[in-house]
């Protein structure tokens, strides 16, 4: 199958998907976040239009080199330039969109959605409201049991300041429990007066770096973004690495892999962590359920012919 995969792949997840698809398919992967920009020194008033022109030219050149496609998969089309989208969809026989952000973060109109043969959304509320197909994120790496001892009781790696107050509440709860070996990493400028257990950093961490930290931790923390009901990749990283999760996203209880022994849903305003959750062992997810969330299972769902 000849596939066009387009995404602004800031996190690196689409690259994992592209690599998997390339095993058995002819794939043209265009990551719009990695396109060259040669106009940083141009006058400010010209910088943006010149950048859009140059990137559209790069996009069109990549498409022209490949010809027509059996299917186009556009991830988060609201993040893609409209002219680039039109070019890619025009040369694709089948058009699929996958939304792994909620409409509260990246709005998209019904008219825009109507341009696709199928639209999948990770957000169950958006899927129900707009008549879309509900779909989860995926496990992008297999876990290798290396037998290493856990260095951290709990870990979070997240970006932005908006969820720091909720994270501070969790840090205070860990302090109450006498848990000190947690690692709370926030990609943001430092916030004066923030809890001393939070470490702020500037440059985005690679998936590989985050994965190594996940393997060295017992529990992964997940603080949902405002307006988010879909599950972040944290759940799938944790499932692959056999780690527990503490989350503010209560929609996780509706998924078949949910097990209260592994996943604790907390109230963001009043986070309470039972001590037994910190100490009791992880319970393996049944294999048939686990396989559903792998890249193989995800691809089978998305590219199934109707």
Protein backbone atom coordinates (compact mmCIF):
# COMPACT_ATOMS: atom_id res chain seq x y z
CA UNK A 1 0.00 0.00 0.00
CA UNK A 2 1.22 3.48 -0.84
CA UNK A 3 0.67 5.78 2.16
CA UNK A 4 1.05 9.51 2.70
CA UNK A 5 1.56 10.30 6.39
CA UNK A 6 1.52 13.97 7.37
CA UNK A 7 1.96 15.35 10.89
CA UNK A 8 3.54 18.17 12.84
CA UNK A 9 5.53 15.61 14.78
CA UNK A 10 6.91 17.61 17.69
CA UNK A 11 6.79 14.64 20.07
CA UNK A 12 8.25 12.03 17.73
CA UNK A 13 5.28 9.64 17.94
CA UNK A 14 4.40 9.85 14.24
CA UNK A 15 8.00 8.95 13.36
CA UNK A 16 7.51 5.69 15.29
CA UNK A 17 4.30 5.05 13.35
CA UNK A 18 6.01 5.85 10.03
CA UNK A 19 8.87 3.46 10.77
CA UNK A 20 6.38 0.68 11.53
CA UNK A 21 4.34 1.32 8.39
CA UNK A 22 7.50 1.30 6.25
CA UNK A 23 8.08 -2.36 7.08
CA UNK A 24 5.34 -3.47 4.67
CA UNK A 25 4.32 -0.33 2.79
CA UNK A 26 5.62 2.44 0.55
CA UNK A 27 5.40 5.46 2.87
CA UNK A 28 5.96 9.16 2.27
CA UNK A 29 6.30 10.69 5.73
CA UNK A 30 6.21 14.47 5.94
CA UNK A 31 6.91 16.00 9.34
CA UNK A 32 6.02 19.66 8.96
CA UNK A 33 7.87 20.56 12.17
CA UNK A 34 11.18 19.57 10.60
CA UNK A 35 10.85 21.57 7.39
CA UNK A 36 13.69 23.97 6.68
CA UNK A 37 13.24 27.67 7.35
CA UNK A 38 15.81 29.89 5.62
CA UNK A 39 14.20 33.22 6.40
CA UNK A 40 14.96 33.79 10.10
CA UNK A 41 16.91 36.94 9.21
CA UNK A 42 14.31 38.38 6.87
CA UNK A 43 12.39 41.50 7.97
CA UNK A 44 9.78 40.51 10.55
CA UNK A 45 6.86 41.54 8.34
CA UNK A 46 8.06 39.14 5.62
CA UNK A 47 9.27 36.28 7.80
CA UNK A 48 5.97 34.42 8.17
CA UNK A 49 4.76 34.58 4.53
CA UNK A 50 8.23 33.63 3.25
CA UNK A 51 8.36 30.69 5.63
CA UNK A 52 4.90 29.48 4.50
CA UNK A 53 5.90 29.85 0.85
CA UNK A 54 9.14 27.93 1.31
CA UNK A 55 7.55 25.13 3.31
CA UNK A 56 4.70 24.75 0.83
CA UNK A 57 7.32 24.45 -1.89
CA UNK A 58 9.11 21.72 0.10
CA UNK A 59 5.81 19.94 0.72
CA UNK A 60 4.78 20.05 -2.94
CA UNK A 61 8.18 18.80 -4.03
CA UNK A 62 7.95 15.79 -1.69
CA UNK A 63 4.45 14.98 -2.94
CA UNK A 64 5.40 15.36 -6.61
CA UNK A 65 8.27 12.89 -6.15
CA UNK A 66 5.84 10.19 -5.03
CA UNK A 67 2.86 10.55 -7.36
CA UNK A 68 -0.55 9.29 -6.19
CA UNK A 69 -1.26 7.50 -2.90
CA UNK A 70 -3.68 4.76 -1.95
CA UNK A 71 -4.36 6.50 1.34
CA UNK A 72 -3.44 9.68 3.19
CA UNK A 73 -3.30 9.69 6.98
CA UNK A 74 -3.25 13.23 8.37
CA UNK A 75 -2.57 13.49 12.10
CA UNK A 76 -4.03 16.61 13.74
CA UNK A 77 -4.91 18.36 10.46
CA UNK A 78 -5.65 21.59 12.36
CA UNK A 79 -1.87 21.91 12.82
CA UNK A 80 -1.15 21.59 9.09
CA UNK A 81 -1.16 24.49 6.62
CA UNK A 82 -4.39 24.46 4.58
CA UNK A 83 -2.58 24.61 1.23
CA UNK A 84 -0.35 21.69 2.20
CA UNK A 85 -3.42 19.70 3.23
CA UNK A 86 -5.17 20.41 -0.06
CA UNK A 87 -2.12 19.23 -2.01
CA UNK A 88 -1.81 15.98 -0.07
CA UNK A 89 -5.49 15.09 -0.10
CA UNK A 90 -5.83 15.84 -3.82
CA UNK A 91 -3.40 13.04 -4.74
CA UNK A 92 -4.80 10.45 -2.30
CA UNK A 93 -7.58 7.99 -3.12
CA UNK A 94 -8.62 7.53 0.51
CA UNK A 95 -8.40 10.20 3.17
CA UNK A 96 -8.12 9.52 6.91
CA UNK A 97 -7.65 11.96 9.80
CA UNK A 98 -6.56 11.11 13.33
CA UNK A 99 -7.00 13.71 16.06
CA UNK A 100 -4.79 13.17 19.10
CA UNK A 101 -5.66 16.50 20.64
CA UNK A 102 -9.09 17.66 21.72
CA UNK A 103 -11.06 20.35 19.91
CA UNK A 104 -10.54 22.61 22.92
CA UNK A 105 -6.84 22.80 21.93
CA UNK A 106 -7.06 22.48 18.14
CA UNK A 107 -10.54 23.35 16.83
CA UNK A 108 -11.61 21.99 13.45
CA UNK A 109 -14.91 22.66 11.67
CA UNK A 110 -17.43 20.09 10.52
CA UNK A 111 -16.84 21.26 6.96
CA UNK A 112 -13.13 20.51 7.29
CA UNK A 113 -13.86 17.09 8.78
CA UNK A 114 -16.20 16.33 5.87
CA UNK A 115 -13.18 16.32 3.54
CA UNK A 116 -12.09 12.94 4.95
CA UNK A 117 -13.49 9.48 4.35
CA UNK A 118 -12.88 8.60 8.00
CA UNK A 119 -12.01 10.65 11.07
CA UNK A 120 -10.72 9.07 14.29
CA UNK A 121 -10.46 10.97 17.56
CA UNK A 122 -8.67 10.08 20.78
CA UNK A 123 -11.16 12.18 22.72
CA UNK A 124 -14.36 10.20 23.45
CA UNK A 125 -16.41 13.33 24.08
CA UNK A 126 -15.38 14.89 20.77
CA UNK A 127 -16.03 11.59 18.98
CA UNK A 128 -19.56 11.37 20.36
CA UNK A 129 -20.42 15.03 19.73
CA UNK A 130 -19.16 15.05 16.13
CA UNK A 131 -19.99 11.48 15.10
CA UNK A 132 -16.33 10.48 14.79
CA UNK A 133 -14.73 7.10 15.44
CA UNK A 134 -13.19 6.81 18.88
CA UNK A 135 -9.58 5.67 18.82
CA UNK A 136 -6.83 5.59 21.44
CA UNK A 137 -3.14 6.38 21.10
CA UNK A 138 -0.70 3.48 20.75
CA UNK A 139 2.19 1.65 22.36
CA UNK A 140 5.14 2.78 20.25
CA UNK A 141 7.91 0.69 21.86
CA UNK A 142 8.08 -2.78 23.36
CA UNK A 143 9.21 -3.05 26.95
CA UNK A 144 12.40 -4.95 27.68
CA UNK A 145 12.52 -6.30 31.23
CA UNK A 146 16.06 -5.43 32.23
CA UNK A 147 15.70 -6.24 35.92
CA UNK A 148 17.06 -2.87 36.98
CA UNK A 149 15.89 -1.57 40.38
CA UNK A 150 13.52 1.40 40.37
CA UNK A 151 15.36 4.66 40.91
CA UNK A 152 12.21 6.80 41.24
CA UNK A 153 8.93 6.09 42.99
CA UNK A 154 7.07 8.43 40.65
CA UNK A 155 7.83 10.32 37.44
CA UNK A 156 6.26 13.00 35.29
CA UNK A 157 7.63 14.71 32.20
CA UNK A 158 5.32 17.41 30.88
CA UNK A 159 5.32 20.78 29.15
CA UNK A 160 3.78 24.10 30.13
CA UNK A 161 2.89 25.97 33.31
CA UNK A 162 -0.86 25.47 33.34
CA UNK A 163 -0.76 22.09 35.12
CA UNK A 164 1.94 22.95 37.65
CA UNK A 165 -0.58 23.74 40.46
CA UNK A 166 -2.01 20.22 40.15
CA UNK A 167 1.51 18.81 40.14
CA UNK A 168 2.30 20.74 43.32
CA UNK A 169 -0.68 19.11 44.99
CA UNK A 170 0.71 15.69 44.11
CA UNK A 171 4.17 16.65 45.38
CA UNK A 172 2.64 17.69 48.70
CA UNK A 173 0.79 14.36 48.90
CA UNK A 174 4.03 12.47 48.30
CA UNK A 175 5.63 14.55 51.05
CA UNK A 176 2.79 13.58 53.40
CA UNK A 177 3.42 9.91 52.62
CA UNK A 178 7.14 10.32 53.24
CA UNK A 179 7.95 9.59 49.58
CA UNK A 180 10.94 11.67 48.50
CA UNK A 181 12.42 9.76 45.55
CA UNK A 182 10.08 11.18 42.91
CA UNK A 183 11.09 13.13 39.80
CA UNK A 184 8.83 15.89 38.52
CA UNK A 185 10.11 17.44 35.28
CA UNK A 186 8.37 20.39 33.61
CA UNK A 187 9.45 21.96 30.32
CA UNK A 188 8.92 25.61 31.16
CA UNK A 189 10.65 28.66 32.50
CA UNK A 190 11.02 28.32 36.29
CA UNK A 191 8.06 29.46 38.36
CA UNK A 192 9.10 31.46 41.45
CA UNK A 193 7.90 29.81 44.65
CA UNK A 194 7.05 26.48 43.01
CA UNK A 195 7.39 23.29 45.05
CA UNK A 196 11.12 22.49 45.42
CA UNK A 197 10.52 18.95 44.17
CA UNK A 198 9.70 20.25 40.68
CA UNK A 199 12.56 20.62 38.18
CA UNK A 200 12.09 23.01 35.28
CA UNK A 201 13.98 22.54 32.01
CA UNK A 202 14.07 24.25 28.61
CA UNK A 203 14.69 21.89 25.69
CA UNK A 204 12.17 19.18 24.85
CA UNK A 205 13.29 15.69 25.81
CA UNK A 206 13.44 12.95 23.18
CA UNK A 207 11.14 9.94 23.35
CA UNK A 208 14.18 7.79 24.03
CA UNK A 209 15.21 9.92 27.02
CA UNK A 210 11.69 9.85 28.43
CA UNK A 211 11.53 6.09 27.87
CA UNK A 212 14.69 5.54 29.91
CA UNK A 213 13.22 7.55 32.79
CA UNK A 214 9.97 5.56 32.57
CA UNK A 215 11.88 2.30 32.88
CA UNK A 216 13.62 3.59 36.02
CA UNK A 217 10.35 4.57 37.73
CA UNK A 218 7.59 2.66 39.50
CA UNK A 219 4.69 5.03 38.86
CA UNK A 220 3.97 7.43 35.99
CA UNK A 221 2.00 10.61 36.70
CA UNK A 222 -0.53 11.93 34.21
CA UNK A 223 -2.21 15.32 34.63
CA UNK A 224 -4.83 15.90 31.96
CA UNK A 225 -4.84 19.18 30.06
CA UNK A 226 -7.89 21.42 30.55
CA UNK A 227 -10.78 20.14 28.42
CA UNK A 228 -9.05 16.82 27.67
CA UNK A 229 -10.91 13.51 27.97
CA UNK A 230 -8.75 11.37 25.65
CA UNK A 231 -5.82 9.43 27.03
CA UNK A 232 -2.29 10.77 26.63
CA UNK A 233 0.65 8.62 25.53
CA UNK A 234 1.65 8.32 29.21
CA UNK A 235 -0.83 5.45 29.66
CA UNK A 236 0.63 3.51 26.75
CA UNK A 237 4.22 4.10 27.80
CA UNK A 238 3.27 2.86 31.25
CA UNK A 239 1.46 -0.21 29.90
CA UNK A 240 4.43 -1.14 27.73
CA UNK A 241 6.86 -0.71 30.64
CA UNK A 242 4.56 -2.38 33.23
CA UNK A 243 4.29 0.74 35.35
CA UNK A 244 1.43 2.04 37.46
CA UNK A 245 -0.25 5.36 36.68
CA UNK A 246 -1.67 8.12 38.88
CA UNK A 247 -3.94 10.34 36.79
CA UNK A 248 -6.46 13.15 36.93
CA UNK A 249 -8.19 11.79 33.78
CA UNK A 250 -11.20 9.84 35.02
CA UNK A 251 -12.19 8.69 31.51
CA UNK A 252 -9.55 5.95 31.79
CA UNK A 253 -11.99 3.84 33.82
CA UNK A 254 -13.96 3.22 30.59
CA UNK A 255 -11.05 1.41 28.88
CA UNK A 256 -10.62 -2.36 28.93
CA UNK A 257 -7.03 -2.18 30.22
CA UNK A 258 -8.11 -0.23 33.32
CA UNK A 259 -7.33 -2.00 36.57
CA UNK A 260 -7.56 -0.10 39.89
CA UNK A 261 -4.51 -2.02 41.07
CA UNK A 262 -2.50 -0.32 38.30
CA UNK A 263 -4.27 3.00 37.72
CA UNK A 264 -5.29 5.46 40.44
CA UNK A 265 -7.67 8.27 39.47
CA UNK A 266 -7.30 11.26 41.76
CA UNK A 267 -9.15 14.50 42.36
CA UNK A 268 -6.92 17.28 41.07
CA UNK A 269 -8.08 19.63 43.83
CA UNK A 270 -7.58 17.07 46.60
CA UNK A 271 -5.16 14.32 45.53
CA UNK A 272 -5.19 11.39 47.94
CA UNK A 273 -2.87 8.43 47.35
CA UNK A 274 -3.44 5.22 49.37
CA UNK A 275 -0.14 3.92 50.68
CA UNK A 276 -0.94 0.43 49.38
CA UNK A 277 -1.06 1.76 45.82
CA UNK A 278 2.54 2.84 46.21
CA UNK A 279 3.71 -0.52 47.51
CA UNK A 280 1.59 -3.27 45.92
CA UNK A 281 2.94 -4.88 42.70
CA UNK A 282 1.83 -4.18 39.14
CA UNK A 283 -0.80 -6.52 37.69
CA UNK A 284 -0.15 -7.58 34.09
CA UNK A 285 -2.66 -6.54 31.43
CA UNK A 286 -4.09 -9.62 29.64
CA UNK A 287 -2.16 -10.26 26.43
CA UNK A 288 -5.15 -10.00 24.08
CA UNK A 289 -5.95 -6.55 25.50
CA UNK A 290 -2.33 -5.42 25.41
CA UNK A 291 -1.99 -6.37 21.74
CA UNK A 292 -4.98 -4.21 20.85
CA UNK A 293 -2.99 -1.09 21.84
CA UNK A 294 0.25 -1.95 20.02
CA UNK A 295 1.18 -0.28 16.73
CA UNK A 296 0.09 -3.46 14.97
CA UNK A 297 -3.38 -3.29 16.49
CA UNK A 298 -3.68 0.45 15.89
CA UNK A 299 -2.64 0.23 12.24
CA UNK A 300 -5.03 -2.67 11.65
CA UNK A 301 -7.90 -0.53 12.95
CA UNK A 302 -7.04 2.64 11.03
CA UNK A 303 -6.26 1.07 7.68
CA UNK A 304 -9.03 -1.53 7.65
CA UNK A 305 -10.91 -1.26 4.36
CA UNK A 306 -14.56 -0.37 4.80
